[in-house]
Amino acid sequence: MSNGTTHPSDEIRGDRTDLLVTVATLYYELGQNQQQIAERLETSRSSVSRMIKEARDLGIVEIRIHRPVNRAYALEQVLIDRFGLTDAYVLLTNPDQREEERLAGVGRLAASYLERVLGQLPPHTCIGIAWGTGVHAAISALSEDRSRQIDVVQILGSLGAANPLIDGPDLARLMASKLGGRYFDLHAPALVEQPALRDLLLNEPSVREGLQRARSVALAITGIGTVQEEAASFLRAGHLSPADLAELRRQGVVGETVGRFFDVQGRFEQFDINARVIGIDLPDLRKIPRVIAVARGLPKAMSILGALRGRYMTVLATDDETAQAVLKLADTG
């Protein structure tokens, strides 16, 4: 039991830690070599070498290796040529990669595009954000630079996702925080029970103004969803049931983006569910100068193909396995 006094060994350990921090700072942050440090501390070069190793072993120094993200450049060019994209980012994967590693890799590729484009935008330019795991991966990988002062607008109502970090309001706040700008919520649910309720909400001044702002963004970031149960975001969020998804598939729906459902040709007008969505619509999305869609996974291949055919993006970030599946589906009709 402690009696409130300091044991001499504690002071020794504290002094040792201070010494290791000093050595690590001189070596790693100030770029001094081991001989320079030894002369300053009046010790031997071999002692400095041991202290550097000790600092690493104790976790005082953490070394991260930032490996470049490998890209499948040939597949990127095929996607650009085939679907008229402005750009494409395709992660080159390997069989040992876990699903979460692939998603993070695609997110880093999307973030590299965003950082390049955001650097060209003047302060207080508005960019739009939807929701989903792919969007979250891109924003998580985005470097923080508050000097950019880019504003972020929610372009789809809130899904109330089981994981709030992938929902529109939280993603808008996170991105605005990284970019030093303001964020604008769309104060409405993404999907309501009846079209009449949606029409009522659209007459609310805050919702109407939010959608006007969303339609005028210079860039939008969205995911692409599927109606396959194993990967359906609307199912995970509790807005659609397995029976609902089965009915959508029966009607010919293959996927959705910004909450709007479409078939494999990108057509959306015939699906009644779209009359229950609060957010920008697909013709609005086509008018935005830059739209990056972040999506991967074989269950989404047909959805991505429909979104490409509908021209609902100018840039696609995905992985090689997904891209190959999309192109194979396109070749078979």
Protein backbone atom coordinates (compact mmCIF):
# COMPACT_ATOMS: atom_id res chain seq x y z
CA MET A 1 0.00 0.00 0.00
CA SER A 2 1.27 3.47 -0.87
CA ASN A 3 2.08 5.78 2.04
CA GLY A 4 2.36 8.86 -0.18
CA THR A 5 6.16 8.83 -0.30
CA THR A 6 8.32 8.41 -3.38
CA HIS A 7 10.57 5.39 -3.49
CA PRO A 8 14.12 6.10 -4.67
CA SER A 9 13.72 3.54 -7.46
CA ASP A 10 10.81 5.58 -8.86
CA GLU A 11 13.07 8.60 -9.20
CA ILE A 12 15.69 6.48 -10.95
CA ARG A 13 13.12 5.17 -13.41
CA GLY A 14 11.87 8.70 -14.02
CA ASP A 15 15.37 9.98 -14.68
CA ARG A 16 16.01 7.08 -17.05
CA THR A 17 12.81 7.82 -18.99
CA ASP A 18 13.77 11.48 -19.29
CA LEU A 19 17.16 10.46 -20.63
CA LEU A 20 15.62 8.10 -23.19
CA VAL A 21 13.16 10.80 -24.32
CA THR A 22 16.07 13.24 -24.73
CA VAL A 23 18.08 10.77 -26.80
CA ALA A 24 15.05 9.85 -28.96
CA THR A 25 14.19 13.51 -29.57
CA LEU A 26 17.73 14.41 -30.58
CA TYR A 27 17.99 11.41 -32.88
CA TYR A 28 14.55 11.20 -34.51
CA GLU A 29 13.26 14.78 -34.43
CA LEU A 30 16.39 16.91 -34.60
CA GLY A 31 18.31 14.54 -36.87
CA GLN A 32 21.50 14.38 -34.81
CA ASN A 33 23.71 11.34 -35.30
CA GLN A 34 24.74 9.01 -32.50
CA GLN A 35 28.23 10.54 -32.16
CA GLN A 36 26.82 14.05 -31.74
CA ILE A 37 24.42 12.83 -29.06
CA ALA A 38 27.20 10.95 -27.28
CA GLU A 39 29.35 14.06 -27.14
CA ARG A 40 26.50 16.17 -25.78
CA LEU A 41 25.62 13.63 -23.08
CA GLU A 42 29.26 12.80 -22.35
CA THR A 43 28.80 9.12 -22.96
CA SER A 44 29.83 6.57 -25.56
CA ARG A 45 28.33 6.08 -29.00
CA SER A 46 27.49 2.46 -28.13
CA SER A 47 25.54 3.66 -25.08
CA VAL A 48 23.52 6.01 -27.27
CA SER A 49 22.79 3.13 -29.67
CA ARG A 50 21.51 1.01 -26.78
CA MET A 51 19.32 3.87 -25.51
CA ILE A 52 17.77 4.37 -28.93
CA LYS A 53 16.86 0.67 -29.01
CA GLU A 54 15.55 0.83 -25.43
CA ALA A 55 13.34 3.81 -26.32
CA ARG A 56 11.82 1.75 -29.14
CA ASP A 57 11.38 -1.33 -26.96
CA LEU A 58 9.59 0.68 -24.25
CA GLY A 59 7.25 2.36 -26.72
CA ILE A 60 8.72 5.83 -26.19
CA VAL A 61 9.38 5.79 -29.92
CA GLU A 62 6.88 4.27 -32.34
CA ILE A 63 7.99 3.71 -35.92
CA ARG A 64 5.38 3.63 -38.64
CA ILE A 65 6.10 2.56 -42.17
CA HIS A 66 3.79 4.33 -44.60
CA ARG A 67 3.71 1.99 -47.55
CA PRO A 68 2.45 3.38 -50.84
CA VAL A 69 -0.92 2.06 -51.94
CA ASN A 70 -0.50 -0.18 -54.98
CA ARG A 71 -2.78 0.62 -57.89
CA ALA A 72 -4.00 -1.38 -60.87
CA TYR A 73 -3.31 1.30 -63.48
CA ALA A 74 -4.33 -0.78 -66.47
CA LEU A 75 -7.74 -1.51 -64.95
CA GLU A 76 -8.16 2.17 -64.13
CA GLN A 77 -7.66 3.10 -67.79
CA VAL A 78 -10.12 0.44 -68.95
CA LEU A 79 -12.79 1.83 -66.60
CA ILE A 80 -12.10 5.39 -67.76
CA ASP A 81 -12.33 4.45 -71.43
CA ARG A 82 -15.30 2.10 -71.06
CA PHE A 83 -17.54 4.34 -68.96
CA GLY A 84 -16.36 7.86 -69.76
CA LEU A 85 -14.98 8.56 -66.30
CA THR A 86 -12.74 11.51 -65.55
CA ASP A 87 -10.55 9.32 -63.36
CA ALA A 88 -10.47 5.97 -61.59
CA TYR A 89 -8.57 4.62 -58.60
CA VAL A 90 -8.27 0.84 -58.39
CA LEU A 91 -6.54 -0.85 -55.46
CA LEU A 92 -4.20 -3.69 -56.39
CA THR A 93 -4.99 -6.37 -53.80
CA ASN A 94 -3.43 -9.64 -52.73
CA PRO A 95 -5.14 -12.82 -51.46
CA ASP A 96 -3.85 -12.32 -47.91
CA GLN A 97 -5.60 -8.99 -47.40
CA ARG A 98 -8.60 -8.91 -45.08
CA GLU A 99 -11.81 -7.18 -46.13
CA GLU A 100 -11.19 -4.24 -43.78
CA GLU A 101 -7.68 -3.79 -45.22
CA ARG A 102 -9.08 -3.64 -48.74
CA LEU A 103 -11.69 -1.09 -47.74
CA ALA A 104 -9.06 1.03 -45.99
CA GLY A 105 -6.83 0.83 -49.09
CA VAL A 106 -9.65 2.00 -51.36
CA GLY A 107 -10.35 4.78 -48.86
CA ARG A 108 -6.73 5.94 -49.04
CA LEU A 109 -6.91 6.05 -52.83
CA ALA A 110 -10.11 8.11 -52.68
CA ALA A 111 -8.49 10.42 -50.14
CA SER A 112 -5.52 10.99 -52.46
CA TYR A 113 -7.92 12.17 -55.15
CA LEU A 114 -9.78 14.40 -52.72
CA GLU A 115 -6.60 16.01 -51.41
CA ARG A 116 -5.49 16.85 -54.93
CA VAL A 117 -8.85 18.35 -55.91
CA LEU A 118 -9.52 20.13 -52.61
CA GLY A 119 -6.25 21.96 -53.03
CA GLN A 120 -7.71 23.63 -56.13
CA LEU A 121 -10.87 24.92 -54.42
CA PRO A 122 -11.13 28.39 -52.86
CA PRO A 123 -12.05 28.75 -49.16
CA HIS A 124 -15.71 28.16 -48.22
CA THR A 125 -16.43 26.16 -51.33
CA CYS A 126 -19.20 23.67 -50.49
CA ILE A 127 -18.69 19.96 -51.06
CA GLY A 128 -21.38 17.32 -50.53
CA ILE A 129 -21.31 14.07 -48.62
CA ALA A 130 -23.68 11.09 -48.54
CA TRP A 131 -23.00 8.15 -46.23
CA GLY A 132 -21.61 4.62 -45.99
CA THR A 133 -18.52 2.59 -45.16
CA GLY A 134 -16.67 3.60 -48.31
CA VAL A 135 -17.25 7.30 -47.66
CA HIS A 136 -16.12 6.81 -44.06
CA ALA A 137 -12.94 5.07 -45.23
CA ALA A 138 -12.10 7.97 -47.54
CA ILE A 139 -12.69 10.65 -44.92
CA SER A 140 -10.77 8.70 -42.28
CA ALA A 141 -7.74 8.60 -44.61
CA LEU A 142 -7.98 12.30 -45.46
CA SER A 143 -5.15 14.44 -44.06
CA GLU A 144 -6.18 17.23 -41.71
CA ASP A 145 -5.63 20.71 -43.11
CA ARG A 146 -7.84 23.27 -41.42
CA SER A 147 -6.39 26.09 -43.47
CA ARG A 148 -8.43 24.92 -46.47
CA GLN A 149 -11.72 26.15 -44.90
CA ILE A 150 -13.88 23.91 -47.09
CA ASP A 151 -17.56 23.67 -46.09
CA VAL A 152 -19.33 20.30 -46.04
CA VAL A 153 -23.00 19.75 -46.92
CA GLN A 154 -25.11 16.67 -46.18
CA ILE A 155 -26.76 15.65 -49.48
CA LEU A 156 -28.92 12.81 -48.13
CA GLY A 157 -31.06 12.72 -45.00
CA SER A 158 -29.94 10.75 -41.98
CA LEU A 159 -30.21 6.97 -42.05
CA GLY A 160 -29.86 6.57 -38.29
CA ALA A 161 -27.27 3.89 -39.01
CA ALA A 162 -26.39 1.32 -36.38
CA ASN A 163 -22.86 2.71 -36.60
CA PRO A 164 -23.31 6.51 -36.43
CA LEU A 165 -19.78 7.08 -37.74
CA ILE A 166 -20.91 6.09 -41.23
CA ASP A 167 -24.07 8.26 -41.23
CA GLY A 168 -24.26 11.56 -43.08
CA PRO A 169 -24.37 14.04 -40.18
CA ASP A 170 -21.38 12.52 -38.39
CA LEU A 171 -19.38 12.22 -41.60
CA ALA A 172 -20.13 15.84 -42.49
CA ARG A 173 -18.94 17.00 -39.07
CA LEU A 174 -15.79 14.86 -39.26
CA MET A 175 -14.84 16.10 -42.70
CA ALA A 176 -15.57 19.76 -41.92
CA SER A 177 -13.41 19.45 -38.82
CA LYS A 178 -10.51 18.12 -40.89
CA LEU A 179 -10.90 20.84 -43.52
CA GLY A 180 -11.50 23.76 -41.15
CA GLY A 181 -14.89 24.58 -42.61
CA ARG A 182 -18.52 24.68 -41.59
CA TYR A 183 -20.91 21.75 -41.91
CA PHE A 184 -24.56 21.85 -42.87
CA ASP A 185 -26.91 19.08 -41.77
CA LEU A 186 -29.98 18.06 -43.74
CA HIS A 187 -32.53 17.92 -40.93
CA ALA A 188 -34.64 15.03 -42.21
CA PRO A 189 -34.62 11.24 -42.42
CA ALA A 190 -33.33 9.70 -45.64
CA LEU A 191 -36.30 7.38 -46.12
CA VAL A 192 -39.89 7.87 -44.91
CA GLU A 193 -42.91 5.58 -44.99
CA GLN A 194 -45.09 7.53 -47.41
CA PRO A 195 -44.47 9.93 -50.31
CA ALA A 196 -46.98 12.34 -48.74
CA LEU A 197 -44.76 12.63 -45.65
CA ARG A 198 -41.74 13.31 -47.81
CA ASP A 199 -43.63 16.06 -49.64
CA LEU A 200 -44.61 17.58 -46.30
CA LEU A 201 -41.01 17.60 -45.09
CA LEU A 202 -39.78 19.07 -48.37
CA ASN A 203 -41.95 22.11 -47.67
CA GLU A 204 -40.10 22.77 -44.41
CA PRO A 205 -37.84 25.82 -44.91
CA SER A 206 -34.77 24.18 -43.32
CA VAL A 207 -35.09 21.07 -45.52
CA ARG A 208 -35.80 23.09 -48.65
CA GLU A 209 -32.79 25.34 -48.04
CA GLY A 210 -30.60 22.34 -47.21
CA LEU A 211 -31.45 20.67 -50.51
CA GLN A 212 -30.82 23.87 -52.45
CA ARG A 213 -27.39 24.07 -50.88
CA ALA A 214 -26.77 20.38 -51.62
CA ARG A 215 -27.57 20.81 -55.30
CA SER A 216 -24.97 23.58 -55.67
CA VAL A 217 -21.91 21.76 -54.31
CA ALA A 218 -18.70 21.68 -56.34
CA LEU A 219 -17.89 18.08 -55.46
CA ALA A 220 -19.77 15.16 -53.92
CA ILE A 221 -18.60 11.98 -52.21
CA THR A 222 -20.95 9.01 -52.18
CA GLY A 223 -21.04 5.27 -51.77
CA ILE A 224 -22.90 2.72 -53.87
CA GLY A 225 -25.27 0.34 -52.13
CA THR A 226 -26.67 -3.03 -53.12
CA VAL A 227 -29.96 -4.85 -52.63
CA GLN A 228 -28.13 -8.11 -51.91
CA GLU A 229 -28.84 -8.99 -48.30
CA GLU A 230 -25.25 -9.77 -47.32
CA ALA A 231 -24.13 -6.20 -48.05
CA ALA A 232 -27.27 -4.01 -48.03
CA SER A 233 -26.72 -0.85 -46.00
CA PHE A 234 -30.43 -0.04 -45.82
CA LEU A 235 -31.00 -3.48 -44.29
CA ARG A 236 -28.26 -2.97 -41.69
CA ALA A 237 -29.69 0.45 -40.84
CA GLY A 238 -33.13 -1.10 -40.28
CA HIS A 239 -34.92 0.85 -43.01
CA LEU A 240 -35.60 -2.11 -45.27
CA SER A 241 -36.40 -5.74 -44.46
CA PRO A 242 -35.25 -8.85 -46.34
CA ALA A 243 -38.74 -8.97 -47.87
CA ASP A 244 -38.39 -5.35 -49.02
CA LEU A 245 -35.07 -6.16 -50.67
CA ALA A 246 -36.54 -9.21 -52.36
CA GLU A 247 -39.35 -7.07 -53.78
CA LEU A 248 -36.87 -4.49 -55.06
CA ARG A 249 -34.87 -7.22 -56.76
CA ARG A 250 -38.08 -8.55 -58.32
CA GLN A 251 -38.73 -5.08 -59.76
CA GLY A 252 -35.25 -5.03 -61.29
CA VAL A 253 -33.41 -2.86 -58.76
CA VAL A 254 -29.70 -3.64 -58.46
CA GLY A 255 -28.41 -0.81 -56.29
CA GLU A 256 -28.62 2.71 -54.94
CA THR A 257 -26.55 5.84 -54.55
CA VAL A 258 -27.51 8.93 -52.51
CA GLY A 259 -30.45 6.78 -51.41
CA ARG A 260 -31.94 6.53 -54.93
CA PHE A 261 -32.50 3.06 -56.35
CA PHE A 262 -31.77 2.10 -59.96
CA ASP A 263 -31.57 -0.90 -62.33
CA VAL A 264 -28.55 -2.29 -64.13
CA GLN A 265 -28.90 0.33 -66.87
CA GLY A 266 -28.99 3.13 -64.30
CA ARG A 267 -32.72 3.81 -64.75
CA PHE A 268 -34.58 4.98 -61.66
CA GLU A 269 -37.85 6.63 -62.67
CA GLN A 270 -39.99 3.48 -62.42
CA PHE A 271 -39.22 2.65 -58.78
CA ASP A 272 -41.78 3.93 -56.26
CA ILE A 273 -39.34 3.78 -53.34
CA ASN A 274 -37.51 6.82 -54.75
CA ALA A 275 -40.58 8.94 -54.00
CA ARG A 276 -39.93 8.29 -50.29
CA VAL A 277 -36.32 9.54 -50.25
CA ILE A 278 -35.22 12.93 -48.90
CA GLY A 279 -32.01 14.10 -50.54
CA ILE A 280 -30.74 15.21 -53.90
CA ASP A 281 -32.03 13.09 -56.77
CA LEU A 282 -30.01 11.38 -59.49
CA PRO A 283 -30.41 14.10 -62.15
CA ASP A 284 -29.08 16.54 -59.50
CA LEU A 285 -26.13 14.23 -58.90
CA ARG A 286 -25.28 14.20 -62.61
CA LYS A 287 -25.05 18.01 -62.62
CA ILE A 288 -22.40 18.16 -59.89
CA PRO A 289 -19.03 18.83 -61.58
CA ARG A 290 -17.12 16.16 -59.64
CA VAL A 291 -18.63 13.08 -58.00
CA ILE A 292 -16.41 10.39 -56.51
CA ALA A 293 -18.07 7.08 -55.67
CA VAL A 294 -16.23 4.86 -53.19
CA ALA A 295 -17.39 1.23 -53.33
CA ARG A 296 -15.93 -2.26 -53.40
CA GLY A 297 -16.94 -5.90 -52.93
CA LEU A 298 -18.34 -8.54 -55.26
CA PRO A 299 -21.95 -8.15 -53.97
CA LYS A 300 -21.76 -4.54 -55.24
CA ALA A 301 -20.45 -5.32 -58.73
CA MET A 302 -23.86 -5.13 -60.41
CA SER A 303 -24.72 -1.99 -58.42
CA ILE A 304 -21.50 -0.28 -59.50
CA LEU A 305 -22.19 -1.23 -63.13
CA GLY A 306 -25.67 0.33 -62.96
CA ALA A 307 -24.26 3.51 -61.40
CA LEU A 308 -21.57 3.71 -64.10
CA ARG A 309 -24.10 3.25 -66.87
CA GLY A 310 -26.29 5.91 -65.28
CA ARG A 311 -23.29 8.28 -65.17
CA TYR A 312 -23.81 8.99 -61.49
CA MET A 313 -20.10 9.56 -60.87
CA THR A 314 -17.11 11.12 -62.57
CA VAL A 315 -14.55 9.19 -60.50
CA LEU A 316 -14.67 5.66 -59.10
CA ALA A 317 -12.53 4.29 -56.26
CA THR A 318 -12.66 0.49 -55.93
CA ASP A 319 -10.38 -2.57 -55.92
CA ASP A 320 -9.13 -4.82 -58.72
CA GLU A 321 -11.35 -7.78 -57.86
CA THR A 322 -14.47 -5.61 -57.94
CA ALA A 323 -13.40 -3.79 -61.10
CA GLN A 324 -12.82 -7.07 -62.94
CA ALA A 325 -16.25 -8.33 -61.86
CA VAL A 326 -17.88 -5.10 -63.08
CA LEU A 327 -16.19 -5.35 -66.47
CA LYS A 328 -17.14 -9.01 -66.82
CA LEU A 329 -20.79 -8.18 -66.10
CA ALA A 330 -20.63 -5.34 -68.63
CA ASP A 331 -19.29 -7.72 -71.29
CA THR A 332 -22.14 -10.19 -70.72
CA GLY A 333 -24.79 -7.52 -71.14
